[in-house]
């Protein structure tokens, strides 16, 4: 059941990524914790590994075909992601699992409230 659930999770996260332009981690990380029972840190690392190629390459091709990519902004964001992901992952190692889970949940909650109300 776990492999099937993770497969469905990947498909759903792909649709969410393409539809909303998100990396999919907002779906993948909670799914890996709830469905596959992974520790929070392992869910984060697994999500990053899974998203590395498919979302970045195939998703952007569809938007680029329609001229809906600002390549300059994308390059600047990519540089920030490169540096930020390295330091964020290093910092995450020092945070207890439950605290990291709550921080991630808080980020999702804050984002949801902001999008819904403002």
PDB file of N, CA and C in Angstrom:
ATOM      1  N   UNK A   1       0.819  -1.203   0.000  1.00  0.00           N
ATOM      2  CA  UNK A   1       0.000   0.000   0.000  1.00  0.00           C
ATOM      3  C   UNK A   1       0.856   1.258   0.000  1.00  0.00           C
ATOM      4  N   UNK A   2       1.984   1.249   0.718  1.00  0.00           N
ATOM      5  CA  UNK A   2       2.808   2.445   0.809  1.00  0.00           C
ATOM      6  C   UNK A   2       3.330   2.873  -0.558  1.00  0.00           C
ATOM      7  N   UNK A   3       3.829   1.936  -1.359  1.00  0.00           N
ATOM      8  CA  UNK A   3       4.349   2.300  -2.681  1.00  0.00           C
ATOM      9  C   UNK A   3       3.241   2.850  -3.571  1.00  0.00           C
ATOM     10  N   UNK A   4       2.062   2.269  -3.501  1.00  0.00           N
ATOM     11  CA  UNK A   4       0.933   2.774  -4.275  1.00  0.00           C
ATOM     12  C   UNK A   4       0.571   4.181  -3.801  1.00  0.00           C
ATOM     13  N   UNK A   5       0.493   4.367  -2.494  1.00  0.00           N
ATOM     14  CA  UNK A   5       0.169   5.681  -1.939  1.00  0.00           C
ATOM     15  C   UNK A   5       1.188   6.730  -2.330  1.00  0.00           C
ATOM     16  N   UNK A   6       2.463   6.365  -2.296  1.00  0.00           N
ATOM     17  CA  UNK A   6       3.519   7.294  -2.680  1.00  0.00           C
ATOM     18  C   UNK A   6       3.435   7.599  -4.177  1.00  0.00           C
ATOM     19  N   UNK A   7       3.065   6.616  -4.976  1.00  0.00           N
ATOM     20  CA  UNK A   7       2.890   6.840  -6.421  1.00  0.00           C
ATOM     21  C   UNK A   7       1.760   7.825  -6.692  1.00  0.00           C
ATOM     22  N   UNK A   8       0.649   7.648  -6.011  1.00  0.00           N
ATOM     23  CA  UNK A   8      -0.485   8.573  -6.149  1.00  0.00           C
ATOM     24  C   UNK A   8      -0.081   9.959  -5.655  1.00  0.00           C
ATOM     25  N   UNK A   9       0.658  10.006  -4.570  1.00  0.00           N
ATOM     26  CA  UNK A   9       1.154  11.275  -4.038  1.00  0.00           C
ATOM     27  C   UNK A   9       2.002  11.999  -5.082  1.00  0.00           C
ATOM     28  N   UNK A  10       2.885  11.284  -5.747  1.00  0.00           N
ATOM     29  CA  UNK A  10       3.724  11.888  -6.782  1.00  0.00           C
ATOM     30  C   UNK A  10       2.907  12.437  -7.933  1.00  0.00           C
ATOM     31  N   UNK A  11       1.912  11.682  -8.364  1.00  0.00           N
ATOM     32  CA  UNK A  11       1.049  12.134  -9.453  1.00  0.00           C
ATOM     33  C   UNK A  11       0.270  13.382  -9.041  1.00  0.00           C
ATOM     34  N   UNK A  12      -0.292  13.358  -7.850  1.00  0.00           N
ATOM     35  CA  UNK A  12      -1.055  14.505  -7.351  1.00  0.00           C
ATOM     36  C   UNK A  12      -0.154  15.735  -7.204  1.00  0.00           C
ATOM     37  N   UNK A  13       1.043  15.540  -6.655  1.00  0.00           N
ATOM     38  CA  UNK A  13       1.983  16.657  -6.490  1.00  0.00           C
ATOM     39  C   UNK A  13       2.395  17.229  -7.842  1.00  0.00           C
ATOM     40  N   UNK A  14       2.525  16.371  -8.846  1.00  0.00           N
ATOM     41  CA  UNK A  14       2.851  16.848 -10.191  1.00  0.00           C
ATOM     42  C   UNK A  14       1.758  17.725 -10.756  1.00  0.00           C
ATOM     43  N   UNK A  15       0.522  17.308 -10.575  1.00  0.00           N
ATOM     44  CA  UNK A  15      -0.611  18.112 -11.046  1.00  0.00           C
ATOM     45  C   UNK A  15      -0.644  19.454 -10.309  1.00  0.00           C
ATOM     46  N   UNK A  16      -0.458  19.418  -8.998  1.00  0.00           N
ATOM     47  CA  UNK A  16      -0.458  20.642  -8.203  1.00  0.00           C
ATOM     48  C   UNK A  16       0.691  21.561  -8.651  1.00  0.00           C
ATOM     49  N   UNK A  17       1.853  20.977  -8.914  1.00  0.00           N
ATOM     50  CA  UNK A  17       3.001  21.768  -9.365  1.00  0.00           C
ATOM     51  C   UNK A  17       2.719  22.467 -10.683  1.00  0.00           C
ATOM     52  N   UNK A  18       2.201  21.717 -11.630  1.00  0.00           N
ATOM     53  CA  UNK A  18       1.904  22.300 -12.931  1.00  0.00           C
ATOM     54  C   UNK A  18       0.776  23.309 -12.894  1.00  0.00           C
ATOM     55  N   UNK A  19      -0.209  23.045 -12.050  1.00  0.00           N
ATOM     56  CA  UNK A  19      -1.380  23.906 -11.971  1.00  0.00           C
ATOM     57  C   UNK A  19      -1.100  25.212 -11.237  1.00  0.00           C
ATOM     58  N   UNK A  20      -0.405  25.132 -10.115  1.00  0.00           N
ATOM     59  CA  UNK A  20      -0.212  26.300  -9.270  1.00  0.00           C
ATOM     60  C   UNK A  20       1.203  26.868  -9.301  1.00  0.00           C
ATOM     61  N   UNK A  21       2.129  26.196  -9.979  1.00  0.00           N
ATOM     62  CA  UNK A  21       3.488  26.702 -10.067  1.00  0.00           C
ATOM     63  C   UNK A  21       4.296  26.525  -8.795  1.00  0.00           C
ATOM     64  N   UNK A  22       3.883  25.594  -7.950  1.00  0.00           N
ATOM     65  CA  UNK A  22       4.638  25.323  -6.731  1.00  0.00           C
ATOM     66  C   UNK A  22       5.535  24.109  -6.964  1.00  0.00           C
ATOM     67  N   UNK A  23       6.546  23.979  -6.138  1.00  0.00           N
ATOM     68  CA  UNK A  23       7.464  22.864  -6.283  1.00  0.00           C
ATOM     69  C   UNK A  23       6.857  21.523  -5.941  1.00  0.00           C
ATOM     70  N   UNK A  24       5.747  21.512  -5.294  1.00  0.00           N
ATOM     71  CA  UNK A  24       5.098  20.257  -4.923  1.00  0.00           C
ATOM     72  C   UNK A  24       5.364  19.837  -3.498  1.00  0.00           C
ATOM     73  N   UNK A  25       6.340  20.481  -2.845  1.00  0.00           N
ATOM     74  CA  UNK A  25       6.681  20.103  -1.475  1.00  0.00           C
ATOM     75  C   UNK A  25       5.525  20.312  -0.513  1.00  0.00           C
ATOM     76  N   UNK A  26       4.653  21.259  -0.823  1.00  0.00           N
ATOM     77  CA  UNK A  26       3.502  21.493   0.062  1.00  0.00           C
ATOM     78  C   UNK A  26       2.584  20.286   0.085  1.00  0.00           C
ATOM     79  N   UNK A  27       2.665  19.444  -0.916  1.00  0.00           N
ATOM     80  CA  UNK A  27       1.877  18.210  -0.966  1.00  0.00           C
ATOM     81  C   UNK A  27       2.750  17.014  -0.593  1.00  0.00           C
ATOM     82  N   UNK A  28       3.961  16.981  -1.119  1.00  0.00           N
ATOM     83  CA  UNK A  28       4.834  15.817  -0.945  1.00  0.00           C
ATOM     84  C   UNK A  28       5.248  15.619   0.509  1.00  0.00           C
ATOM     85  N   UNK A  29       5.687  16.671   1.167  1.00  0.00           N
ATOM     86  CA  UNK A  29       6.198  16.515   2.530  1.00  0.00           C
ATOM     87  C   UNK A  29       5.126  16.016   3.495  1.00  0.00           C
ATOM     88  N   UNK A  30       3.953  16.658   3.564  1.00  0.00           N
ATOM     89  CA  UNK A  30       2.927  16.084   4.454  1.00  0.00           C
ATOM     90  C   UNK A  30       2.527  14.663   4.042  1.00  0.00           C
ATOM     91  N   UNK A  31       2.484  14.410   2.739  1.00  0.00           N
ATOM     92  CA  UNK A  31       2.128  13.075   2.265  1.00  0.00           C
ATOM     93  C   UNK A  31       3.125  12.020   2.697  1.00  0.00           C
ATOM     94  N   UNK A  32       4.408  12.331   2.610  1.00  0.00           N
ATOM     95  CA  UNK A  32       5.428  11.369   3.026  1.00  0.00           C
ATOM     96  C   UNK A  32       5.387  11.115   4.532  1.00  0.00           C
ATOM     97  N   UNK A  33       5.071  12.141   5.289  1.00  0.00           N
ATOM     98  CA  UNK A  33       4.974  11.972   6.747  1.00  0.00           C
ATOM     99  C   UNK A  33       3.733  11.146   7.100  1.00  0.00           C
ATOM    100  N   UNK A  34       2.607  11.445   6.447  1.00  0.00           N
ATOM    101  CA  UNK A  34       1.345  10.781   6.798  1.00  0.00           C
ATOM    102  C   UNK A  34       1.175   9.413   6.137  1.00  0.00           C
ATOM    103  N   UNK A  35       1.556   9.289   4.872  1.00  0.00           N
ATOM    104  CA  UNK A  35       1.344   8.039   4.134  1.00  0.00           C
ATOM    105  C   UNK A  35       2.499   7.056   4.347  1.00  0.00           C
ATOM    106  N   UNK A  36       3.721   7.549   4.159  1.00  0.00           N
ATOM    107  CA  UNK A  36       4.885   6.660   4.239  1.00  0.00           C
ATOM    108  C   UNK A  36       5.491   6.618   5.633  1.00  0.00           C
ATOM    109  N   UNK A  37       4.966   7.444   6.542  1.00  0.00           N
ATOM    110  CA  UNK A  37       5.442   7.481   7.932  1.00  0.00           C
ATOM    111  C   UNK A  37       6.924   7.831   8.036  1.00  0.00           C
ATOM    112  N   UNK A  38       7.404   8.693   7.136  1.00  0.00           N
ATOM    113  CA  UNK A  38       8.801   9.127   7.207  1.00  0.00           C
ATOM    114  C   UNK A  38       8.958  10.183   8.291  1.00  0.00           C
ATOM    115  N   UNK A  39      10.142  10.263   8.844  1.00  0.00           N
ATOM    116  CA  UNK A  39      10.478  11.355   9.753  1.00  0.00           C
ATOM    117  C   UNK A  39      10.462  12.655   8.954  1.00  0.00           C
ATOM    118  N   UNK A  40      10.238  13.768   9.620  1.00  0.00           N
ATOM    119  CA  UNK A  40      10.126  15.054   8.943  1.00  0.00           C
ATOM    120  C   UNK A  40      11.383  15.377   8.125  1.00  0.00           C
ATOM    121  N   UNK A  41      12.562  15.184   8.693  1.00  0.00           N
ATOM    122  CA  UNK A  41      13.801  15.470   7.976  1.00  0.00           C
ATOM    123  C   UNK A  41      13.927  14.603   6.721  1.00  0.00           C
ATOM    124  N   UNK A  42      13.566  13.341   6.838  1.00  0.00           N
ATOM    125  CA  UNK A  42      13.654  12.430   5.691  1.00  0.00           C
ATOM    126  C   UNK A  42      12.648  12.817   4.623  1.00  0.00           C
ATOM    127  N   UNK A  43      11.482  13.279   5.033  1.00  0.00           N
ATOM    128  CA  UNK A  43      10.477  13.740   4.072  1.00  0.00           C
ATOM    129  C   UNK A  43      10.991  14.956   3.302  1.00  0.00           C
ATOM    130  N   UNK A  44      11.662  15.872   3.998  1.00  0.00           N
ATOM    131  CA  UNK A  44      12.205  17.054   3.330  1.00  0.00           C
ATOM    132  C   UNK A  44      13.271  16.655   2.310  1.00  0.00           C
ATOM    133  N   UNK A  45      14.196  15.806   2.727  1.00  0.00           N
ATOM    134  CA  UNK A  45      15.261  15.368   1.817  1.00  0.00           C
ATOM    135  C   UNK A  45      14.724  14.587   0.631  1.00  0.00           C
ATOM    136  N   UNK A  46      13.750  13.724   0.874  1.00  0.00           N
ATOM    137  CA  UNK A  46      13.152  12.931  -0.200  1.00  0.00           C
ATOM    138  C   UNK A  46      12.417  13.832  -1.182  1.00  0.00           C
ATOM    139  N   UNK A  47      11.714  14.826  -0.665  1.00  0.00           N
ATOM    140  CA  UNK A  47      10.996  15.771  -1.525  1.00  0.00           C
ATOM    141  C   UNK A  47      11.964  16.534  -2.415  1.00  0.00           C
ATOM    142  N   UNK A  48      13.051  17.037  -1.840  1.00  0.00           N
ATOM    143  CA  UNK A  48      14.047  17.762  -2.638  1.00  0.00           C
ATOM    144  C   UNK A  48      14.630  16.875  -3.733  1.00  0.00           C
ATOM    145  N   UNK A  49      14.933  15.629  -3.382  1.00  0.00           N
ATOM    146  CA  UNK A  49      15.504  14.701  -4.368  1.00  0.00           C
ATOM    147  C   UNK A  49      14.515  14.410  -5.491  1.00  0.00           C
ATOM    148  N   UNK A  50      13.252  14.247  -5.146  1.00  0.00           N
ATOM    149  CA  UNK A  50      12.231  13.920  -6.150  1.00  0.00           C
ATOM    150  C   UNK A  50      11.942  15.104  -7.065  1.00  0.00           C
ATOM    151  N   UNK A  51      11.974  16.312  -6.527  1.00  0.00           N
ATOM    152  CA  UNK A  51      11.605  17.503  -7.294  1.00  0.00           C
ATOM    153  C   UNK A  51      12.723  18.021  -8.181  1.00  0.00           C
ATOM    154  N   UNK A  52      13.916  17.614  -7.924  1.00  0.00           N
ATOM    155  CA  UNK A  52      15.076  18.192  -8.581  1.00  0.00           C
ATOM    156  C   UNK A  52      14.956  18.271 -10.096  1.00  0.00           C
ATOM    157  N   UNK A  53      14.587  17.207 -10.757  1.00  0.00           N
ATOM    158  CA  UNK A  53      14.551  17.212 -12.217  1.00  0.00           C
ATOM    159  C   UNK A  53      13.160  17.356 -12.819  1.00  0.00           C
ATOM    160  N   UNK A  54      12.189  16.544 -12.444  1.00  0.00           N
ATOM    161  CA  UNK A  54      10.929  16.566 -13.190  1.00  0.00           C
ATOM    162  C   UNK A  54      10.180  17.896 -13.166  1.00  0.00           C
ATOM    163  N   UNK A  55      10.100  18.528 -12.036  1.00  0.00           N
ATOM    164  CA  UNK A  55       9.360  19.792 -11.959  1.00  0.00           C
ATOM    165  C   UNK A  55      10.135  20.881 -12.667  1.00  0.00           C
ATOM    166  N   UNK A  56      11.427  20.947 -12.395  1.00  0.00           N
ATOM    167  CA  UNK A  56      12.248  21.996 -12.972  1.00  0.00           C
ATOM    168  C   UNK A  56      12.327  21.942 -14.477  1.00  0.00           C
ATOM    169  N   UNK A  57      12.361  20.776 -15.038  1.00  0.00           N
ATOM    170  CA  UNK A  57      12.552  20.661 -16.481  1.00  0.00           C
ATOM    171  C   UNK A  57      11.236  20.594 -17.243  1.00  0.00           C
ATOM    172  N   UNK A  58      10.420  19.631 -16.921  1.00  0.00           N
ATOM    173  CA  UNK A  58       9.215  19.409 -17.717  1.00  0.00           C
ATOM    174  C   UNK A  58       8.139  20.471 -17.493  1.00  0.00           C
ATOM    175  N   UNK A  59       7.992  20.911 -16.251  1.00  0.00           N
ATOM    176  CA  UNK A  59       6.989  21.935 -15.968  1.00  0.00           C
ATOM    177  C   UNK A  59       7.314  23.256 -16.651  1.00  0.00           C
ATOM    178  N   UNK A  60       8.580  23.656 -16.578  1.00  0.00           N
ATOM    179  CA  UNK A  60       8.964  24.946 -17.160  1.00  0.00           C
ATOM    180  C   UNK A  60       8.844  24.934 -18.688  1.00  0.00           C
ATOM    181  N   UNK A  61       9.013  23.798 -19.308  1.00  0.00           N
ATOM    182  CA  UNK A  61       8.885  23.730 -20.763  1.00  0.00           C
ATOM    183  C   UNK A  61       7.494  24.153 -21.226  1.00  0.00           C
ATOM    184  N   UNK A  62       6.484  23.737 -20.496  1.00  0.00           N
ATOM    185  CA  UNK A  62       5.115  24.097 -20.862  1.00  0.00           C
ATOM    186  C   UNK A  62       4.876  25.593 -20.724  1.00  0.00           C
ATOM    187  N   UNK A  63       5.383  26.185 -19.642  1.00  0.00           N
ATOM    188  CA  UNK A  63       5.211  27.629 -19.455  1.00  0.00           C
ATOM    189  C   UNK A  63       6.062  28.416 -20.455  1.00  0.00           C
ATOM    190  N   UNK A  64       7.260  27.941 -20.732  1.00  0.00           N
ATOM    191  CA  UNK A  64       8.145  28.630 -21.675  1.00  0.00           C
ATOM    192  C   UNK A  64       7.566  28.638 -23.080  1.00  0.00           C
ATOM    193  N   UNK A  65       6.900  27.566 -23.473  1.00  0.00           N
ATOM    194  CA  UNK A  65       6.258  27.516 -24.799  1.00  0.00           C
ATOM    195  C   UNK A  65       5.259  28.652 -24.974  1.00  0.00           C
ATOM    196  N   UNK A  66       4.654  29.081 -23.882  1.00  0.00           N
ATOM    197  CA  UNK A  66       3.653  30.151 -23.941  1.00  0.00           C
ATOM    198  C   UNK A  66       4.247  31.512 -23.604  1.00  0.00           C
ATOM    199  N   UNK A  67       5.561  31.576 -23.449  1.00  0.00           N
ATOM    200  CA  UNK A  67       6.209  32.835 -23.126  1.00  0.00           C
ATOM    201  C   UNK A  67       5.920  33.323 -21.722  1.00  0.00           C
ATOM    202  N   UNK A  68       5.651  32.398 -20.814  1.00  0.00           N
ATOM    203  CA  UNK A  68       5.256  32.762 -19.456  1.00  0.00           C
ATOM    204  C   UNK A  68       6.360  32.505 -18.436  1.00  0.00           C
ATOM    205  N   UNK A  69       7.605  32.754 -18.845  1.00  0.00           N
ATOM    206  CA  UNK A  69       8.738  32.617 -17.942  1.00  0.00           C
ATOM    207  C   UNK A  69       9.581  33.887 -18.038  1.00  0.00           C
ATOM    208  N   UNK A  70       9.842  34.516 -16.912  1.00  0.00           N
ATOM    209  CA  UNK A  70      10.770  35.644 -16.862  1.00  0.00           C
ATOM    210  C   UNK A  70      12.127  35.047 -16.513  1.00  0.00           C
ATOM    211  N   UNK A  71      12.971  34.861 -17.520  1.00  0.00           N
ATOM    212  CA  UNK A  71      14.238  34.150 -17.348  1.00  0.00           C
ATOM    213  C   UNK A  71      15.201  34.884 -16.422  1.00  0.00           C
ATOM    214  N   UNK A  72      15.184  36.212 -16.438  1.00  0.00           N
ATOM    215  CA  UNK A  72      16.057  36.974 -15.540  1.00  0.00           C
ATOM    216  C   UNK A  72      15.706  36.740 -14.080  1.00  0.00           C
ATOM    217  N   UNK A  73      14.415  36.849 -13.770  1.00  0.00           N
ATOM    218  CA  UNK A  73      13.967  36.582 -12.402  1.00  0.00           C
ATOM    219  C   UNK A  73      14.263  35.136 -12.020  1.00  0.00           C
ATOM    220  N   UNK A  74      14.022  34.228 -12.945  1.00  0.00           N
ATOM    221  CA  UNK A  74      14.263  32.809 -12.664  1.00  0.00           C
ATOM    222  C   UNK A  74      15.726  32.564 -12.314  1.00  0.00           C
ATOM    223  N   UNK A  75      16.639  33.222 -13.026  1.00  0.00           N
ATOM    224  CA  UNK A  75      18.074  33.045 -12.759  1.00  0.00           C
ATOM    225  C   UNK A  75      18.450  33.582 -11.380  1.00  0.00           C
ATOM    226  N   UNK A  76      17.908  34.743 -11.022  1.00  0.00           N
ATOM    227  CA  UNK A  76      18.210  35.323  -9.718  1.00  0.00           C
ATOM    228  C   UNK A  76      17.637  34.449  -8.604  1.00  0.00           C
ATOM    229  N   UNK A  77      16.409  33.978  -8.780  1.00  0.00           N
ATOM    230  CA  UNK A  77      15.795  33.093  -7.787  1.00  0.00           C
ATOM    231  C   UNK A  77      16.587  31.793  -7.681  1.00  0.00           C
ATOM    232  N   UNK A  78      17.026  31.245  -8.817  1.00  0.00           N
ATOM    233  CA  UNK A  78      17.794  30.000  -8.819  1.00  0.00           C
ATOM    234  C   UNK A  78      19.089  30.158  -8.029  1.00  0.00           C
ATOM    235  N   UNK A  79      19.745  31.307  -8.172  1.00  0.00           N
ATOM    236  CA  UNK A  79      20.978  31.548  -7.413  1.00  0.00           C
ATOM    237  C   UNK A  79      20.663  31.566  -5.917  1.00  0.00           C
ATOM    238  N   UNK A  80      19.564  32.223  -5.549  1.00  0.00           N
ATOM    239  CA  UNK A  80      19.152  32.237  -4.147  1.00  0.00           C
ATOM    240  C   UNK A  80      18.800  30.857  -3.639  1.00  0.00           C
ATOM    241  N   UNK A  81      18.127  30.083  -4.485  1.00  0.00           N
ATOM    242  CA  UNK A  81      17.774  28.714  -4.106  1.00  0.00           C
ATOM    243  C   UNK A  81      19.018  27.856  -3.891  1.00  0.00           C
ATOM    244  N   UNK A  82      19.987  28.016  -4.756  1.00  0.00           N
ATOM    245  CA  UNK A  82      21.217  27.237  -4.666  1.00  0.00           C
ATOM    246  C   UNK A  82      21.898  27.472  -3.323  1.00  0.00           C
ATOM    247  N   UNK A  83      22.048  28.727  -2.972  1.00  0.00           N
ATOM    248  CA  UNK A  83      22.717  29.074  -1.722  1.00  0.00           C
ATOM    249  C   UNK A  83      21.802  28.796  -0.520  1.00  0.00           C
ATOM    250  N   UNK A  84      20.549  29.216  -0.626  1.00  0.00           N
ATOM    251  CA  UNK A  84      19.611  29.060   0.483  1.00  0.00           C
ATOM    252  C   UNK A  84      19.321  27.613   0.829  1.00  0.00           C
ATOM    253  N   UNK A  85      19.182  26.762  -0.173  1.00  0.00           N
ATOM    254  CA  UNK A  85      18.899  25.345   0.090  1.00  0.00           C
ATOM    255  C   UNK A  85      20.054  24.681   0.827  1.00  0.00           C
ATOM    256  N   UNK A  86      21.259  25.049   0.465  1.00  0.00           N
ATOM    257  CA  UNK A  86      22.430  24.488   1.146  1.00  0.00           C
ATOM    258  C   UNK A  86      22.411  24.845   2.634  1.00  0.00           C
ATOM    259  N   UNK A  87      22.277  26.129   2.926  1.00  0.00           N
ATOM    260  CA  UNK A  87      22.297  26.562   4.315  1.00  0.00           C
ATOM    261  C   UNK A  87      21.038  26.138   5.069  1.00  0.00           C
ATOM    262  N   UNK A  88      19.890  26.138   4.391  1.00  0.00           N
ATOM    263  CA  UNK A  88      18.656  25.679   5.028  1.00  0.00           C
ATOM    264  C   UNK A  88      18.739  24.218   5.424  1.00  0.00           C
ATOM    265  N   UNK A  89      19.289  23.390   4.549  1.00  0.00           N
ATOM    266  CA  UNK A  89      19.427  21.962   4.847  1.00  0.00           C
ATOM    267  C   UNK A  89      20.411  21.736   5.988  1.00  0.00           C
ATOM    268  N   UNK A  90      21.476  22.516   6.012  1.00  0.00           N
ATOM    269  CA  UNK A  90      22.440  22.405   7.123  1.00  0.00           C
ATOM    270  C   UNK A  90      21.782  22.786   8.448  1.00  0.00           C
ATOM    271  N   UNK A  91      21.014  23.868   8.433  1.00  0.00           N
ATOM    272  CA  UNK A  91      20.336  24.334   9.648  1.00  0.00           C
ATOM    273  C   UNK A  91      19.278  23.326  10.103  1.00  0.00           C
ATOM    274  N   UNK A  92      18.560  22.732   9.160  1.00  0.00           N
ATOM    275  CA  UNK A  92      17.504  21.777   9.497  1.00  0.00           C
ATOM    276  C   UNK A  92      18.040  20.598  10.299  1.00  0.00           C
ATOM    277  N   UNK A  93      19.282  20.238  10.073  1.00  0.00           N
ATOM    278  CA  UNK A  93      19.881  19.111  10.792  1.00  0.00           C
ATOM    279  C   UNK A  93      19.945  19.361  12.301  1.00  0.00           C
ATOM    280  N   UNK A  94      19.962  20.632  12.695  1.00  0.00           N
ATOM    281  CA  UNK A  94      20.068  20.953  14.120  1.00  0.00           C
ATOM    282  C   UNK A  94      18.705  21.145  14.796  1.00  0.00           C
ATOM    283  N   UNK A  95      17.625  21.000  14.032  1.00  0.00           N
ATOM    284  CA  UNK A  95      16.281  21.229  14.559  1.00  0.00           C
ATOM    285  C   UNK A  95      15.618  19.885  14.843  1.00  0.00           C
ATOM    286  N   UNK A  96      15.037  19.707  16.020  1.00  0.00           N
ATOM    287  CA  UNK A  96      14.324  18.456  16.320  1.00  0.00           C
ATOM    288  C   UNK A  96      13.174  18.216  15.326  1.00  0.00           C
ATOM    289  N   UNK A  97      12.869  16.964  15.084  1.00  0.00           N
ATOM    290  CA  UNK A  97      11.866  16.570  14.097  1.00  0.00           C
ATOM    291  C   UNK A  97      10.518  17.252  14.330  1.00  0.00           C
ATOM    292  N   UNK A  98      10.031  17.214  15.545  1.00  0.00           N
ATOM    293  CA  UNK A  98       8.734  17.805  15.857  1.00  0.00           C
ATOM    294  C   UNK A  98       8.742  19.320  15.630  1.00  0.00           C
ATOM    295  N   UNK A  99       9.818  19.977  15.997  1.00  0.00           N
ATOM    296  CA  UNK A  99       9.930  21.421  15.787  1.00  0.00           C
ATOM    297  C   UNK A  99       9.922  21.746  14.299  1.00  0.00           C
ATOM    298  N   UNK A 100      10.651  20.964  13.517  1.00  0.00           N
ATOM    299  CA  UNK A 100      10.677  21.186  12.069  1.00  0.00           C
ATOM    300  C   UNK A 100       9.288  20.978  11.472  1.00  0.00           C
ATOM    301  N   UNK A 101       8.580  19.964  11.933  1.00  0.00           N
ATOM    302  CA  UNK A 101       7.224  19.704  11.455  1.00  0.00           C
ATOM    303  C   UNK A 101       6.309  20.890  11.775  1.00  0.00           C
ATOM    304  N   UNK A 102       6.423  21.404  12.965  1.00  0.00           N
ATOM    305  CA  UNK A 102       5.591  22.549  13.357  1.00  0.00           C
ATOM    306  C   UNK A 102       5.961  23.805  12.578  1.00  0.00           C
ATOM    307  N   UNK A 103       7.235  23.997  12.327  1.00  0.00           N
ATOM    308  CA  UNK A 103       7.669  25.148  11.524  1.00  0.00           C
ATOM    309  C   UNK A 103       7.099  25.064  10.105  1.00  0.00           C
ATOM    310  N   UNK A 104       7.160  23.881   9.516  1.00  0.00           N
ATOM    311  CA  UNK A 104       6.630  23.684   8.170  1.00  0.00           C
ATOM    312  C   UNK A 104       5.126  23.904   8.150  1.00  0.00           C
ATOM    313  N   UNK A 105       4.431  23.354   9.141  1.00  0.00           N
ATOM    314  CA  UNK A 105       2.983  23.556   9.249  1.00  0.00           C
ATOM    315  C   UNK A 105       2.634  25.024   9.415  1.00  0.00           C
ATOM    316  N   UNK A 106       3.417  25.731  10.211  1.00  0.00           N
ATOM    317  CA  UNK A 106       3.197  27.160  10.402  1.00  0.00           C
ATOM    318  C   UNK A 106       3.383  27.938   9.110  1.00  0.00           C
ATOM    319  N   UNK A 107       4.393  27.561   8.336  1.00  0.00           N
ATOM    320  CA  UNK A 107       4.613  28.211   7.037  1.00  0.00           C
ATOM    321  C   UNK A 107       3.414  27.992   6.119  1.00  0.00           C
ATOM    322  N   UNK A 108       2.920  26.760   6.081  1.00  0.00           N
ATOM    323  CA  UNK A 108       1.756  26.470   5.245  1.00  0.00           C
ATOM    324  C   UNK A 108       0.525  27.232   5.719  1.00  0.00           C
ATOM    325  N   UNK A 109       0.337  27.285   7.026  1.00  0.00           N
ATOM    326  CA  UNK A 109      -0.812  27.996   7.588  1.00  0.00           C
ATOM    327  C   UNK A 109      -0.729  29.494   7.301  1.00  0.00           C
ATOM    328  N   UNK A 110       0.428  30.080   7.522  1.00  0.00           N
ATOM    329  CA  UNK A 110       0.621  31.505   7.257  1.00  0.00           C
ATOM    330  C   UNK A 110       0.373  31.826   5.782  1.00  0.00           C
ATOM    331  N   UNK A 111       0.906  31.002   4.912  1.00  0.00           N
ATOM    332  CA  UNK A 111       0.709  31.196   3.474  1.00  0.00           C
ATOM    333  C   UNK A 111      -0.761  31.079   3.112  1.00  0.00           C
ATOM    334  N   UNK A 112      -1.437  30.100   3.673  1.00  0.00           N
ATOM    335  CA  UNK A 112      -2.865  29.909   3.389  1.00  0.00           C
ATOM    336  C   UNK A 112      -3.683  31.113   3.815  1.00  0.00           C
ATOM    337  N   UNK A 113      -3.454  31.600   5.017  1.00  0.00           N
ATOM    338  CA  UNK A 113      -4.195  32.754   5.526  1.00  0.00           C
ATOM    339  C   UNK A 113      -3.932  33.966   4.644  1.00  0.00           C
ATOM    340  N   UNK A 114      -2.691  34.194   4.309  1.00  0.00           N
ATOM    341  CA  UNK A 114      -2.320  35.343   3.471  1.00  0.00           C
ATOM    342  C   UNK A 114      -3.019  35.269   2.113  1.00  0.00           C
ATOM    343  N   UNK A 115      -3.012  34.111   1.490  1.00  0.00           N
ATOM    344  CA  UNK A 115      -3.642  33.956   0.166  1.00  0.00           C
ATOM    345  C   UNK A 115      -5.160  34.064   0.234  1.00  0.00           C
ATOM    346  N   UNK A 116      -5.750  33.551   1.281  1.00  0.00           N
ATOM    347  CA  UNK A 116      -7.190  33.561   1.398  1.00  0.00           C
ATOM    348  C   UNK A 116      -7.761  34.921   1.790  1.00  0.00           C
ATOM    349  N   UNK A 117      -7.042  35.674   2.591  1.00  0.00           N
ATOM    350  CA  UNK A 117      -7.591  36.906   3.146  1.00  0.00           C
ATOM    351  C   UNK A 117      -7.057  38.194   2.518  1.00  0.00           C
ATOM    352  N   UNK A 118      -5.934  38.153   1.846  1.00  0.00           N
ATOM    353  CA  UNK A 118      -5.359  39.404   1.341  1.00  0.00           C
ATOM    354  C   UNK A 118      -5.149  39.381  -0.152  1.00  0.00           C
TER     355      UNK A 118
END
